[in-house]
Amino acid sequence: MKVEIMGQIGEILIGIVVLAGALISGLSAFGLVRLPDVYLRSHAATKSATLGVLFVLIGAFLYFSFYLEHVSAKLLLGIVFVFITAPVAGHLNGRAAYRSGVPLWNQSVKDDWAQELKKEESQ
């Protein structure tokens, strides 16, 4: 009886993790559509989409390991790969956009890279 209840609680928790990942990914998609410039869109795509995908993959990993008694190396590699590559790709996209002259949103308050780029050009 207790094992069945623990199994049901585990399924509910895993479902919540997967649902949270799906909701965060949906929020990320909304940010990609609504945000005004490439830099803010890149932020939405890398931060929240990465977290959403990680939650879904972690939920799948937990389900396979606890209920099917199978530790999936592919899911572990997927988790590590997304965790490492998505933020780096977002940073490089933003950097490439800035260096190619894509303007910031007209209501942006601060441009941290302008002074650094001037230093590089003067050297």
N, C-alpha and C. Protein backbone atom coordinates (compact mmCIF):
# COMPACT_ATOMS: atom_id res chain seq x y z
N MET A 1 0.82 -1.19 0.00
CA MET A 1 0.00 0.00 0.00
C MET A 1 0.86 1.26 0.00
N LYS A 2 1.88 1.31 0.89
CA LYS A 2 2.75 2.48 0.95
C LYS A 2 3.56 2.63 -0.32
N VAL A 3 3.97 1.52 -0.93
CA VAL A 3 4.76 1.57 -2.16
C VAL A 3 3.93 2.17 -3.29
N GLU A 4 2.65 1.81 -3.35
CA GLU A 4 1.77 2.35 -4.38
C GLU A 4 1.58 3.85 -4.20
N ILE A 5 1.42 4.29 -2.96
CA ILE A 5 1.24 5.72 -2.69
C ILE A 5 2.51 6.48 -3.04
N MET A 6 3.67 5.91 -2.68
CA MET A 6 4.93 6.57 -3.02
C MET A 6 5.11 6.63 -4.54
N GLY A 7 4.69 5.58 -5.24
CA GLY A 7 4.77 5.57 -6.70
C GLY A 7 3.89 6.64 -7.32
N GLN A 8 2.70 6.81 -6.77
CA GLN A 8 1.79 7.83 -7.28
C GLN A 8 2.33 9.23 -7.00
N ILE A 9 2.89 9.42 -5.82
CA ILE A 9 3.48 10.73 -5.49
C ILE A 9 4.65 11.02 -6.41
N GLY A 10 5.47 10.01 -6.68
CA GLY A 10 6.59 10.19 -7.59
C GLY A 10 6.14 10.55 -8.99
N GLU A 11 5.10 9.88 -9.47
CA GLU A 11 4.57 10.20 -10.80
C GLU A 11 4.03 11.63 -10.85
N ILE A 12 3.38 12.05 -9.79
CA ILE A 12 2.85 13.42 -9.75
C ILE A 12 3.99 14.43 -9.75
N LEU A 13 5.03 14.18 -8.96
CA LEU A 13 6.17 15.11 -8.92
C LEU A 13 6.88 15.17 -10.26
N ILE A 14 7.07 14.02 -10.90
CA ILE A 14 7.70 14.01 -12.22
C ILE A 14 6.82 14.75 -13.22
N GLY A 15 5.51 14.55 -13.13
CA GLY A 15 4.59 15.27 -14.00
C GLY A 15 4.67 16.77 -13.80
N ILE A 16 4.82 17.19 -12.55
CA ILE A 16 4.94 18.62 -12.26
C ILE A 16 6.23 19.18 -12.85
N VAL A 17 7.33 18.43 -12.75
CA VAL A 17 8.61 18.88 -13.32
C VAL A 17 8.49 19.03 -14.84
N VAL A 18 7.88 18.05 -15.50
CA VAL A 18 7.72 18.11 -16.96
C VAL A 18 6.77 19.25 -17.34
N LEU A 19 5.69 19.40 -16.60
CA LEU A 19 4.75 20.50 -16.87
C LEU A 19 5.41 21.86 -16.67
N ALA A 20 6.21 21.99 -15.62
CA ALA A 20 6.93 23.25 -15.40
C ALA A 20 7.88 23.53 -16.57
N GLY A 21 8.56 22.50 -17.05
CA GLY A 21 9.44 22.67 -18.20
C GLY A 21 8.69 23.11 -19.44
N ALA A 22 7.52 22.53 -19.66
CA ALA A 22 6.70 22.92 -20.82
C ALA A 22 6.20 24.35 -20.69
N LEU A 23 5.80 24.74 -19.49
CA LEU A 23 5.33 26.12 -19.28
C LEU A 23 6.46 27.13 -19.45
N ILE A 24 7.63 26.82 -18.95
CA ILE A 24 8.77 27.72 -19.10
C ILE A 24 9.17 27.81 -20.57
N SER A 25 9.12 26.71 -21.29
CA SER A 25 9.42 26.75 -22.73
C SER A 25 8.39 27.57 -23.48
N GLY A 26 7.13 27.46 -23.08
CA GLY A 26 6.09 28.29 -23.69
C GLY A 26 6.31 29.77 -23.41
N LEU A 27 6.72 30.09 -22.20
CA LEU A 27 7.04 31.47 -21.86
C LEU A 27 8.20 31.98 -22.70
N SER A 28 9.16 31.11 -22.95
CA SER A 28 10.29 31.47 -23.80
C SER A 28 9.83 31.78 -25.22
N ALA A 29 8.93 30.98 -25.74
CA ALA A 29 8.40 31.23 -27.09
C ALA A 29 7.65 32.56 -27.12
N PHE A 30 6.90 32.86 -26.07
CA PHE A 30 6.21 34.14 -25.99
C PHE A 30 7.21 35.29 -25.97
N GLY A 31 8.32 35.13 -25.24
CA GLY A 31 9.36 36.16 -25.21
C GLY A 31 10.01 36.36 -26.57
N LEU A 32 10.19 35.28 -27.32
CA LEU A 32 10.78 35.41 -28.65
C LEU A 32 9.88 36.21 -29.59
N VAL A 33 8.59 36.10 -29.40
CA VAL A 33 7.66 36.83 -30.27
C VAL A 33 7.50 38.28 -29.82
N ARG A 34 7.46 38.53 -28.52
CA ARG A 34 7.09 39.85 -28.02
C ARG A 34 8.26 40.80 -27.76
N LEU A 35 9.44 40.31 -27.51
CA LEU A 35 10.53 41.21 -27.14
C LEU A 35 11.03 41.99 -28.36
N PRO A 36 11.50 43.23 -28.15
CA PRO A 36 11.71 44.14 -29.27
C PRO A 36 13.01 44.00 -30.06
N ASP A 37 14.08 43.50 -29.49
CA ASP A 37 15.32 43.44 -30.27
C ASP A 37 16.00 42.09 -30.13
N VAL A 38 17.04 41.90 -30.93
CA VAL A 38 17.70 40.60 -31.01
C VAL A 38 18.36 40.22 -29.68
N TYR A 39 18.81 41.18 -28.92
CA TYR A 39 19.51 40.89 -27.67
C TYR A 39 18.54 40.39 -26.59
N LEU A 40 17.40 41.01 -26.49
CA LEU A 40 16.40 40.55 -25.53
C LEU A 40 15.81 39.22 -25.95
N ARG A 41 15.62 39.03 -27.25
CA ARG A 41 15.12 37.74 -27.74
C ARG A 41 16.12 36.63 -27.47
N SER A 42 17.38 36.95 -27.65
CA SER A 42 18.42 35.96 -27.36
C SER A 42 18.40 35.58 -25.88
N HIS A 43 18.17 36.55 -25.04
CA HIS A 43 18.08 36.28 -23.60
C HIS A 43 16.92 35.34 -23.30
N ALA A 44 15.77 35.61 -23.92
CA ALA A 44 14.60 34.75 -23.70
C ALA A 44 14.86 33.34 -24.21
N ALA A 45 15.51 33.26 -25.36
CA ALA A 45 15.74 31.94 -25.96
C ALA A 45 16.74 31.13 -25.16
N THR A 46 17.77 31.75 -24.65
CA THR A 46 18.80 30.97 -23.97
C THR A 46 18.46 30.67 -22.52
N LYS A 47 17.95 31.62 -21.81
CA LYS A 47 17.71 31.40 -20.37
C LYS A 47 16.50 30.51 -20.13
N SER A 48 15.35 30.96 -20.56
CA SER A 48 14.14 30.22 -20.21
C SER A 48 13.97 28.95 -21.03
N ALA A 49 14.37 28.97 -22.30
CA ALA A 49 14.25 27.74 -23.09
C ALA A 49 15.19 26.66 -22.57
N THR A 50 16.38 27.06 -22.17
CA THR A 50 17.31 26.09 -21.61
C THR A 50 16.75 25.48 -20.33
N LEU A 51 16.22 26.31 -19.46
CA LEU A 51 15.64 25.80 -18.22
C LEU A 51 14.44 24.90 -18.51
N GLY A 52 13.60 25.29 -19.45
CA GLY A 52 12.44 24.47 -19.79
C GLY A 52 12.83 23.12 -20.35
N VAL A 53 13.78 23.10 -21.27
CA VAL A 53 14.23 21.83 -21.84
C VAL A 53 14.90 20.97 -20.78
N LEU A 54 15.68 21.58 -19.90
CA LEU A 54 16.32 20.82 -18.83
C LEU A 54 15.29 20.19 -17.90
N PHE A 55 14.23 20.90 -17.56
CA PHE A 55 13.18 20.33 -16.71
C PHE A 55 12.52 19.14 -17.39
N VAL A 56 12.22 19.26 -18.67
CA VAL A 56 11.58 18.15 -19.38
C VAL A 56 12.52 16.94 -19.44
N LEU A 57 13.79 17.18 -19.74
CA LEU A 57 14.75 16.07 -19.80
C LEU A 57 14.98 15.44 -18.43
N ILE A 58 15.03 16.25 -17.39
CA ILE A 58 15.19 15.71 -16.04
C ILE A 58 13.97 14.89 -15.64
N GLY A 59 12.78 15.37 -15.99
CA GLY A 59 11.57 14.61 -15.71
C GLY A 59 11.58 13.26 -16.42
N ALA A 60 12.00 13.25 -17.68
CA ALA A 60 12.08 11.99 -18.42
C ALA A 60 13.13 11.07 -17.81
N PHE A 61 14.27 11.65 -17.42
CA PHE A 61 15.32 10.84 -16.80
C PHE A 61 14.83 10.21 -15.50
N LEU A 62 14.16 10.99 -14.67
CA LEU A 62 13.64 10.45 -13.41
C LEU A 62 12.60 9.37 -13.64
N TYR A 63 11.75 9.57 -14.63
CA TYR A 63 10.73 8.56 -14.93
C TYR A 63 11.39 7.25 -15.36
N PHE A 64 12.34 7.34 -16.29
CA PHE A 64 13.01 6.12 -16.75
C PHE A 64 13.77 5.43 -15.63
N SER A 65 14.44 6.22 -14.79
CA SER A 65 15.26 5.59 -13.76
C SER A 65 14.42 4.99 -12.62
N PHE A 66 13.32 5.63 -12.22
CA PHE A 66 12.54 5.13 -11.11
C PHE A 66 11.46 4.12 -11.51
N TYR A 67 10.85 4.31 -12.65
CA TYR A 67 9.70 3.47 -13.00
C TYR A 67 10.04 2.38 -14.00
N LEU A 68 10.99 2.61 -14.87
CA LEU A 68 11.39 1.59 -15.83
C LEU A 68 12.72 0.96 -15.46
N GLU A 69 13.33 1.46 -14.38
CA GLU A 69 14.61 0.97 -13.86
C GLU A 69 15.67 0.90 -14.95
N HIS A 70 15.75 1.99 -15.69
CA HIS A 70 16.72 2.10 -16.77
C HIS A 70 17.35 3.48 -16.70
N VAL A 71 18.65 3.52 -16.41
CA VAL A 71 19.36 4.80 -16.38
C VAL A 71 19.81 5.10 -17.81
N SER A 72 19.28 6.17 -18.36
CA SER A 72 19.53 6.51 -19.75
C SER A 72 20.74 7.42 -19.87
N ALA A 73 21.79 6.91 -20.45
CA ALA A 73 23.00 7.72 -20.68
C ALA A 73 22.72 8.79 -21.73
N LYS A 74 21.82 8.49 -22.67
CA LYS A 74 21.48 9.47 -23.71
C LYS A 74 20.80 10.69 -23.10
N LEU A 75 19.91 10.47 -22.14
CA LEU A 75 19.27 11.61 -21.48
C LEU A 75 20.28 12.40 -20.65
N LEU A 76 21.17 11.72 -19.97
CA LEU A 76 22.21 12.43 -19.21
C LEU A 76 23.09 13.27 -20.13
N LEU A 77 23.48 12.69 -21.25
CA LEU A 77 24.28 13.45 -22.21
C LEU A 77 23.50 14.63 -22.79
N GLY A 78 22.21 14.42 -23.03
CA GLY A 78 21.38 15.51 -23.52
C GLY A 78 21.28 16.64 -22.51
N ILE A 79 21.12 16.30 -21.24
CA ILE A 79 21.06 17.31 -20.19
C ILE A 79 22.36 18.11 -20.13
N VAL A 80 23.48 17.42 -20.14
CA VAL A 80 24.78 18.10 -20.09
C VAL A 80 24.99 18.95 -21.33
N PHE A 81 24.66 18.39 -22.50
CA PHE A 81 24.86 19.10 -23.75
C PHE A 81 24.04 20.39 -23.80
N VAL A 82 22.77 20.33 -23.44
CA VAL A 82 21.91 21.53 -23.45
C VAL A 82 22.40 22.53 -22.42
N PHE A 83 22.76 22.05 -21.24
CA PHE A 83 23.21 22.94 -20.17
C PHE A 83 24.47 23.71 -20.56
N ILE A 84 25.36 23.09 -21.32
CA ILE A 84 26.61 23.74 -21.69
C ILE A 84 26.47 24.57 -22.96
N THR A 85 25.83 24.03 -23.98
CA THR A 85 25.88 24.68 -25.29
C THR A 85 24.87 25.80 -25.48
N ALA A 86 23.69 25.72 -24.93
CA ALA A 86 22.67 26.74 -25.19
C ALA A 86 23.08 28.13 -24.69
N PRO A 87 23.57 28.30 -23.48
CA PRO A 87 24.00 29.64 -23.06
C PRO A 87 25.19 30.17 -23.87
N VAL A 88 26.10 29.30 -24.23
CA VAL A 88 27.26 29.73 -25.02
C VAL A 88 26.80 30.18 -26.41
N ALA A 89 25.90 29.43 -27.02
CA ALA A 89 25.39 29.80 -28.34
C ALA A 89 24.63 31.13 -28.28
N GLY A 90 23.85 31.34 -27.23
CA GLY A 90 23.14 32.61 -27.08
C GLY A 90 24.10 33.78 -26.93
N HIS A 91 25.15 33.57 -26.16
CA HIS A 91 26.15 34.63 -25.98
C HIS A 91 26.84 34.95 -27.31
N LEU A 92 27.21 33.92 -28.04
CA LEU A 92 27.89 34.14 -29.31
C LEU A 92 26.97 34.80 -30.34
N ASN A 93 25.69 34.46 -30.33
CA ASN A 93 24.75 35.12 -31.24
C ASN A 93 24.63 36.61 -30.91
N GLY A 94 24.52 36.93 -29.63
CA GLY A 94 24.46 38.33 -29.23
C GLY A 94 25.72 39.09 -29.57
N ARG A 95 26.84 38.47 -29.36
CA ARG A 95 28.12 39.11 -29.67
C ARG A 95 28.27 39.34 -31.17
N ALA A 96 27.89 38.36 -31.97
CA ALA A 96 27.96 38.51 -33.42
C ALA A 96 27.00 39.60 -33.91
N ALA A 97 25.81 39.66 -33.32
CA ALA A 97 24.87 40.71 -33.71
C ALA A 97 25.41 42.09 -33.35
N TYR A 98 26.01 42.21 -32.19
CA TYR A 98 26.55 43.51 -31.77
C TYR A 98 27.71 43.94 -32.66
N ARG A 99 28.61 43.01 -32.94
CA ARG A 99 29.78 43.35 -33.77
C ARG A 99 29.41 43.62 -35.22
N SER A 100 28.29 43.08 -35.67
CA SER A 100 27.88 43.34 -37.05
C SER A 100 27.01 44.60 -37.16
N GLY A 101 26.75 45.26 -36.04
CA GLY A 101 26.08 46.55 -36.07
C GLY A 101 24.59 46.53 -35.87
N VAL A 102 24.04 45.45 -35.38
CA VAL A 102 22.59 45.41 -35.10
C VAL A 102 22.32 46.37 -33.94
N PRO A 103 21.42 47.33 -34.14
CA PRO A 103 21.21 48.34 -33.08
C PRO A 103 20.46 47.77 -31.88
N LEU A 104 20.74 48.39 -30.74
CA LEU A 104 20.00 48.06 -29.53
C LEU A 104 18.61 48.67 -29.62
N TRP A 105 17.72 48.19 -28.79
CA TRP A 105 16.37 48.75 -28.70
C TRP A 105 16.51 50.21 -28.30
N ASN A 106 15.65 51.08 -28.87
CA ASN A 106 15.78 52.52 -28.62
C ASN A 106 15.56 52.91 -27.16
N GLN A 107 14.95 52.05 -26.35
CA GLN A 107 14.76 52.36 -24.93
C GLN A 107 15.76 51.65 -24.03
N SER A 108 16.82 51.09 -24.62
CA SER A 108 17.88 50.48 -23.81
C SER A 108 18.58 51.55 -23.01
N VAL A 109 18.92 51.23 -21.78
CA VAL A 109 19.49 52.22 -20.87
C VAL A 109 21.01 52.24 -20.93
N LYS A 110 21.63 51.09 -21.09
CA LYS A 110 23.07 51.01 -20.97
C LYS A 110 23.66 50.12 -22.05
N ASP A 111 24.83 50.52 -22.56
CA ASP A 111 25.54 49.75 -23.57
C ASP A 111 26.94 49.46 -23.02
N ASP A 112 27.10 48.30 -22.40
CA ASP A 112 28.37 47.96 -21.76
C ASP A 112 29.48 47.65 -22.75
N TRP A 113 29.14 47.20 -23.92
CA TRP A 113 30.17 46.78 -24.87
C TRP A 113 30.76 47.94 -25.68
N ALA A 114 30.13 49.10 -25.70
CA ALA A 114 30.60 50.20 -26.53
C ALA A 114 32.01 50.63 -26.15
N GLN A 115 32.28 50.78 -24.87
CA GLN A 115 33.61 51.21 -24.43
C GLN A 115 34.65 50.13 -24.70
N GLU A 116 34.29 48.88 -24.49
CA GLU A 116 35.24 47.78 -24.73
C GLU A 116 35.59 47.68 -26.22
N LEU A 117 34.61 47.89 -27.06
CA LEU A 117 34.85 47.82 -28.50
C LEU A 117 35.73 48.98 -28.94
N LYS A 118 35.55 50.16 -28.36
CA LYS A 118 36.42 51.30 -28.67
C LYS A 118 37.86 51.03 -28.24
N LYS A 119 38.03 50.39 -27.07
CA LYS A 119 39.38 50.04 -26.62
C LYS A 119 40.06 49.09 -27.58
N GLU A 120 39.31 48.09 -28.06
CA GLU A 120 39.87 47.11 -29.00
C GLU A 120 40.25 47.77 -30.32
N GLU A 121 39.41 48.68 -30.80
CA GLU A 121 39.68 49.32 -32.07
C GLU A 121 40.88 50.27 -31.99
N SER A 122 41.12 50.88 -30.83
CA SER A 122 42.23 51.81 -30.69
C SER A 122 43.57 51.09 -30.55
N GLN A 123 43.56 49.83 -30.22
CA GLN A 123 44.82 49.11 -30.03
C GLN A 123 45.36 48.58 -31.31
